[in-house]
Protein backbone atom coordinates (compact mmCIF):
# COMPACT_ATOMS: atom_id res chain seq x y z
CA THR A 1 148.70 106.12 87.12
CA LYS A 2 148.52 102.75 85.34
CA HIS A 3 150.75 101.26 88.02
CA LEU A 4 148.56 102.51 90.96
CA MET A 5 145.41 101.25 89.09
CA LEU A 6 146.99 97.90 88.74
CA VAL A 7 148.13 97.70 92.35
CA LEU A 8 144.48 98.71 93.27
CA LEU A 9 142.96 95.86 91.04
CA LEU A 10 145.15 93.29 92.24
CA LEU A 11 144.74 94.08 95.87
CA ARG A 12 141.06 94.27 95.54
CA ALA A 13 141.06 90.86 94.08
CA ALA A 14 143.05 89.70 97.15
CA ARG A 15 140.62 91.25 99.52
CA SER A 16 137.54 89.47 98.09
CA THR A 17 138.30 86.19 99.52
CA LEU A 18 141.26 86.85 101.69
CA PHE A 19 140.31 84.53 104.52
CA PRO A 20 139.31 81.36 102.77
CA SER A 21 142.04 81.90 100.28
CA LEU A 22 145.51 82.68 101.17
CA PRO A 23 146.99 81.57 97.75
CA LEU A 24 144.87 84.43 96.18
CA LEU A 25 146.46 87.00 98.41
CA ARG A 26 149.94 85.32 97.79
CA SER A 27 149.31 85.55 93.95
CA ALA A 28 147.96 89.04 93.96
CA GLY A 29 150.64 90.22 96.13
CA HIS A 30 153.38 88.64 94.25
CA LEU A 31 151.88 90.51 90.95
CA ALA A 32 151.62 93.74 92.79
CA ARG A 33 155.28 93.91 93.71
CA THR A 34 156.23 94.88 90.05
CA PRO A 35 154.06 97.97 89.74
CA LEU A 36 154.83 98.85 93.16
CA PHE A 37 158.77 98.82 92.32
CA MET A 38 157.65 101.05 89.45
CA LEU A 39 155.95 103.54 91.45
CA GLU A 40 158.80 103.63 94.07
CA ALA A 41 161.20 103.99 91.15
CA LEU A 42 159.13 106.87 89.73
CA GLY A 43 158.79 108.47 93.17
CA ARG A 44 162.61 108.23 93.52
CA VAL A 45 163.21 109.97 90.20
CA TYR A 46 160.52 112.78 90.22
CA GLU A 47 161.15 113.93 93.86
CA HIS A 48 164.24 115.29 92.56
CA LEU A 49 163.22 116.88 89.38
CA ASN A 50 161.53 120.03 91.02
CA LEU A 51 158.10 119.12 90.14
CA GLN A 52 156.03 118.46 93.08
CA ASN A 53 158.76 116.92 95.42
CA LYS A 54 156.56 116.17 98.46
CA LEU A 55 153.89 114.34 96.31
CA PHE A 56 156.58 112.03 94.61
CA ALA A 57 158.41 111.54 97.91
CA ARG A 58 155.25 110.44 99.34
CA ILE A 59 154.41 108.05 96.54
CA ARG A 60 157.84 106.75 96.83
CA LEU A 61 157.37 106.07 100.62
CA GLU A 62 153.86 104.62 100.60
CA SER A 63 154.89 102.27 97.65
CA LYS A 64 158.02 101.12 99.63
CA ILE A 65 156.07 100.31 102.65
CA ILE A 66 153.50 97.99 100.97
CA GLU A 67 156.17 96.38 98.45
CA ASP A 68 158.45 95.72 101.72
CA VAL A 69 155.67 93.85 103.54
CA LEU A 70 154.69 91.80 100.38
CA GLY A 71 158.30 91.10 99.96
CA SER A 72 158.58 89.81 103.59
CA MET A 73 155.61 87.58 102.72
CA ASP A 74 157.34 86.38 99.42
CA TYR A 75 160.38 85.67 101.15
CA TRP A 76 158.83 83.43 103.99
CA LEU A 77 156.90 81.56 101.33
CA ALA A 78 160.11 80.72 99.54
CA VAL A 79 161.64 79.59 102.77
CA ALA A 80 158.87 77.34 103.62
CA LYS A 81 159.07 75.92 100.16
CA ARG A 82 162.74 75.35 100.42
CA CYS A 83 162.44 73.60 103.88
CA ILE A 84 160.23 71.05 101.97
CA ASP A 85 162.60 70.85 98.88
CA TRP A 86 165.66 70.35 101.34
CA SER A 87 164.06 67.95 103.53
CA MET A 88 164.47 70.15 106.59
CA PRO A 89 163.65 68.73 110.03
CA ALA A 90 159.85 68.91 110.81
CA GLY A 91 160.09 71.58 113.52
CA VAL A 92 162.05 73.84 111.06
CA THR A 93 159.44 73.60 108.37
CA LEU A 94 156.57 74.26 110.65
CA LEU A 95 158.15 77.26 112.14
CA ALA A 96 158.82 78.46 108.31
CA ARG A 97 155.28 78.04 107.55
CA ASP A 98 154.16 80.03 110.92
CA ARG A 99 156.43 82.82 109.82
CA TYR A 100 154.91 82.93 106.25
CA LEU A 101 151.44 82.93 108.02
CA GLU A 102 152.55 85.77 110.35
CA ALA A 103 153.84 88.01 107.28
CA CYS A 104 150.55 87.27 105.59
CA GLY A 105 148.63 88.94 108.48
CA ARG A 106 150.92 91.81 108.82
CA THR A 107 150.71 92.44 105.15
CA TRP A 108 146.89 92.82 105.20
CA ALA A 109 147.06 94.92 108.20
CA TRP A 110 149.51 97.35 106.51
CA ILE A 111 147.66 97.48 103.32
CA GLU A 112 144.43 98.45 105.15
CA ALA A 113 145.97 100.63 107.65
CA HIS A 114 147.79 102.73 104.64
CA ASP A 115 144.21 102.89 102.74
CA TRP A 116 145.30 100.63 99.56
CA VAL A 117 142.09 98.97 99.95
CA ALA A 118 138.77 99.99 101.71
CA CYS A 119 138.34 98.41 105.19
CA ARG A 120 135.77 98.74 107.99
CA TYR A 121 137.79 100.91 110.11
CA HIS A 122 138.23 103.61 107.32
CA LEU A 123 134.85 103.45 105.52
CA ASP A 124 135.01 107.12 104.56
CA ALA A 125 138.90 107.36 103.58
CA GLU A 126 139.93 108.09 100.04
CA LEU A 127 141.97 105.42 98.80
CA MET A 128 145.79 105.70 98.28
CA PRO A 129 145.60 105.00 94.55
CA ALA A 130 142.68 107.73 93.99
CA ARG A 131 144.44 110.09 96.29
CA PHE A 132 147.51 110.04 94.10
CA ASN A 133 145.90 109.91 90.91
CA ARG A 134 144.08 113.00 91.86
CA LYS A 135 147.09 114.84 92.80
CA LEU A 136 149.22 113.89 89.98
CA LYS A 137 146.34 115.48 87.53
CA LYS A 138 147.42 118.78 88.96
CA VAL A 139 151.41 118.37 88.29
CA GLU A 140 152.70 120.86 85.53
CA TRP A 141 154.96 118.50 83.69
CA TYR A 142 158.02 119.66 81.76
CA SER A 143 158.11 119.19 78.07
CA PRO A 144 159.52 116.08 76.72
CA LYS A 145 162.81 117.87 75.74
CA LYS A 146 163.35 119.72 79.07
CA GLU A 147 162.40 116.39 81.11
CA SER A 148 164.97 114.67 79.02
CA HIS A 149 167.81 117.12 79.93
CA VAL A 150 166.61 117.42 83.64
CA LEU A 151 166.50 113.56 84.02
CA ALA A 152 170.02 113.05 82.33
CA ARG A 153 171.39 115.40 84.79
CA TRP A 154 169.75 113.91 87.82
CA LEU A 155 170.91 110.30 86.67
CA GLU A 156 174.48 111.27 86.04
CA SER A 157 174.68 112.37 89.71
CA GLU A 158 172.62 109.37 90.96
CA LEU A 159 175.15 107.02 89.26
CA HIS A 160 178.07 108.86 90.83
CA ASP A 161 176.41 108.52 94.32
CA ILE A 162 175.53 104.88 93.91
CA ASP A 163 179.16 104.14 92.82
CA GLU A 164 180.38 105.69 95.91
CA SER A 165 177.98 104.17 98.23
CA ILE A 166 178.26 100.45 97.30
CA GLN A 167 182.27 100.74 97.55
CA GLN A 168 181.76 101.92 101.33
CA LEU A 169 179.44 99.11 102.26
CA ASP A 170 180.54 96.39 104.89
CA LEU A 171 179.90 93.25 102.96
CA ASN A 172 180.31 91.24 105.99
CA ASP A 173 176.76 92.15 106.85
CA ILE A 174 174.64 90.53 104.39
CA GLU A 175 171.32 92.57 104.76
CA ASN A 176 173.08 96.16 105.09
CA GLY A 177 176.10 95.22 102.99
CA LEU A 178 175.58 92.84 100.11
CA HIS A 179 171.70 92.99 99.99
CA LYS A 180 171.92 96.69 100.10
CA ALA A 181 174.55 96.79 97.18
CA ARG A 182 172.26 94.80 95.00
CA ARG A 183 169.19 97.02 95.85
CA GLU A 184 171.24 100.18 94.83
CA VAL A 185 172.27 98.84 91.60
CA ARG A 186 169.12 97.27 90.82
CA TRP A 187 167.56 100.83 91.05
CA VAL A 188 169.23 101.85 88.15
CA SER A 189 167.97 98.95 85.88
CA ILE A 190 164.33 99.72 87.32
CA TYR A 191 164.58 103.68 86.38
CA PHE A 192 165.24 102.62 82.89
CA THR A 193 161.76 100.71 82.80
CA ALA A 194 159.62 102.81 84.78
CA VAL A 195 160.27 106.08 83.12
CA GLU A 196 158.51 104.85 79.99
CA GLY A 197 159.95 106.48 76.88
CA GLY A 198 162.72 108.01 78.80
CA PHE A 199 165.30 105.74 77.78
CA VAL A 200 166.04 103.45 74.81
CA LEU A 201 168.87 100.96 74.31
CA ASP A 202 171.61 102.16 71.74
CA GLN A 203 172.65 98.98 69.92
CA GLU A 204 175.12 100.70 67.78
CA VAL A 205 177.70 101.51 70.57
CA LYS A 206 180.62 99.35 70.74
CA ALA A 207 181.22 97.11 73.78
CA PRO A 208 184.43 97.97 75.91
CA GLU A 209 187.36 95.80 75.69
CA ASN A 210 187.21 92.27 77.72
CA TRP A 211 183.37 92.94 77.88
CA ASP A 212 182.51 89.30 76.83
CA ARG A 213 181.48 87.93 80.27
CA TYR A 214 178.59 90.43 80.16
CA LEU A 215 177.33 89.80 76.49
CA THR A 216 175.96 86.18 76.95
CA LYS A 217 173.12 84.97 74.76
CA GLU A 218 171.25 84.32 77.94
CA ILE A 219 171.84 88.13 79.15
CA ILE A 220 171.09 89.77 75.77
CA GLU A 221 168.04 87.93 75.05
CA ASN A 222 166.55 88.24 78.68
CA PRO A 223 163.09 90.03 78.12
CA PHE A 224 163.73 92.33 81.29
CA ASN A 225 166.78 93.83 79.26
CA ARG A 226 164.13 95.17 76.77
CA LEU A 227 162.97 98.98 77.28
CA PRO A 228 159.65 100.30 76.75
CA GLU A 229 158.96 101.89 73.22
CA PRO A 230 158.99 105.65 73.35
CA GLU A 231 156.06 107.70 72.08
CA PRO A 232 156.57 109.76 68.91
CA ASP A 233 156.83 113.05 71.09
CA ASP A 234 159.38 111.54 73.71
CA VAL A 235 162.92 112.57 73.79
CA PRO A 236 164.82 109.36 75.27
CA ILE A 237 168.09 108.97 76.72
CA ARG A 238 170.27 106.49 74.76
CA VAL A 239 171.56 103.88 77.07
CA PRO A 240 174.37 101.77 75.49
CA ALA A 241 173.31 98.20 75.33
CA PRO A 242 176.59 96.72 76.41
CA LEU A 243 176.50 98.56 79.78
CA LEU A 244 172.96 97.72 80.33
CA TYR A 245 173.87 93.92 79.65
CA ALA A 246 176.68 94.38 82.33
CA LEU A 247 174.29 95.69 84.92
CA SER A 248 171.93 92.87 84.33
CA TYR A 249 174.85 90.65 84.97
CA ALA A 250 175.78 92.31 88.04
CA ILE A 251 172.30 92.29 89.40
CA ASP A 252 171.91 88.59 88.70
CA ARG A 253 175.09 87.40 90.24
CA LEU A 254 174.66 89.68 93.24
CA GLY A 255 171.11 88.27 93.55
CA VAL A 256 172.39 84.78 93.56
CA ILE A 257 175.00 85.21 96.06
CA LYS A 258 172.66 87.30 98.21
CA ASP A 259 169.90 84.41 98.14
CA ARG A 260 171.93 81.66 99.17
CA ALA A 261 173.52 83.59 101.82
CA GLU A 262 170.29 84.75 103.22
CA TRP A 263 168.63 81.15 102.99
CA THR A 264 171.87 79.96 104.89
CA LEU A 265 171.58 82.43 107.46
CA THR A 266 167.93 81.85 107.97
CA MET A 267 168.07 78.02 108.06
CA GLU A 268 170.64 78.38 110.66
CA GLN A 269 168.27 80.76 112.84
CA LEU A 270 165.30 78.42 112.32
CA LEU A 271 167.61 75.30 113.52
CA ARG A 272 168.70 77.49 116.69
CA LEU A 273 164.99 78.41 117.63
CA THR A 274 163.70 74.88 116.84
CA GLY A 275 166.59 72.99 118.61
CA GLU A 276 166.44 70.64 115.56
CA LYS A 277 169.66 69.17 114.36
CA ALA A 278 170.70 68.82 110.54
CA SER A 279 173.58 69.18 108.28
CA LEU A 280 172.84 72.36 106.17
CA PRO A 281 175.47 71.72 103.53
CA GLN A 282 174.17 68.41 102.95
CA LEU A 283 170.54 69.33 102.74
CA MET A 284 171.22 72.69 100.82
CA GLY A 285 173.80 71.52 98.47
CA GLU A 286 174.98 74.25 96.33
CA ASN A 287 172.49 76.58 98.02
CA TYR A 288 174.50 76.39 101.02
CA LEU A 289 176.85 79.47 101.42
CA GLU A 290 178.43 80.59 104.61
CA GLN A 291 178.62 84.50 105.21
CA GLN A 292 182.55 84.41 104.81
CA ASN A 293 182.46 83.07 101.27
CA ALA A 294 179.44 85.15 100.42
CA THR A 295 181.40 88.19 101.46
CA LYS A 296 184.42 87.12 99.45
CA GLN A 297 182.22 86.44 96.24
CA GLY A 298 180.41 89.71 96.50
CA ARG A 299 183.54 91.65 97.02
CA ASP A 300 185.23 90.03 94.04
CA LEU A 301 182.02 90.65 91.98
CA LEU A 302 181.86 94.41 92.85
CA GLU A 303 185.66 94.86 92.31
CA GLN A 304 185.28 93.61 88.68
CA VAL A 305 182.20 95.17 87.62
CA PHE A 306 182.30 98.49 89.41
CA VAL A 307 186.08 99.11 90.08
CA LYS A 308 187.93 97.62 87.27
CA ASP A 309 185.09 97.83 84.64
CA ARG A 310 183.94 101.19 86.04
CA LEU A 311 180.30 100.20 85.01
CA LEU A 312 178.49 102.96 86.82
CA LEU A 313 181.14 105.68 85.92
CA ARG A 314 180.94 104.61 82.27
CA MET A 315 177.11 105.29 82.19
CA ALA A 316 177.54 108.67 83.89
CA GLU A 317 180.15 109.68 81.59
CA GLY A 318 177.94 108.90 78.75
CA LEU A 319 175.24 111.32 80.09
CA ALA A 320 177.61 114.12 80.83
């Protein structure tokens, strides 16, 4: 429920001065994406644990809808800023800015339409966070011990499914290949954080052989690789720290490849739409990444981490 209330507070803050202050929507929306990710992750987990599956599926869906539109707004803002940083032609920069403003409008329309904040068209509507909170109070939760057992069995199956799924993706397709692979793998990391008290890092487990690339100081000390502390009554599942660090490595590297490939593709599209001319390799520098090279880099990374080093299967075996 804390994630629901945080989203509500942030969106209410944005609504109070939406029209005179787009920066406030941008700031609140960006901050709201994290609790929305947490809500979607919790929905993805608990809709499979035989509690109130329909309720958790709805939480997952509604959170995803709003996170997606906020993500689109964030993306076009980033593109607009990079157009300036990379000295793109004026027409390209203006079109990117227009796309950002359009995304802001769509974002708020979806937020109001789905009752995450009050609006003049739904004056009597129960807001989505309040509706979910009310229904969550009626859930008959498992005991900590039973939840730990059920969660472990589900996660074991989920890890096998993700491992099989990402190896069947067409990485020539940036959005439905490379980007999807990163999204699928990233969910595992989000589960560990979202189910507070459900998982703890096991620092005693010895790293597999040839694991040094995943154990850099930068990765180990990354605050995102610290899991929430369990409560006294929790029965957490132990996650081998070296495996979590390898997961973090894969998510980070896939993100860099995906971002550069998407930026390159977007800039190419903006140039075509505006009729402007520019040398993208010269303007974008190391951020320029053609689809063919992105596909190769992504395939090599997936082969190393998930086939040769069997990361997800190692995680699943630890739960068996």
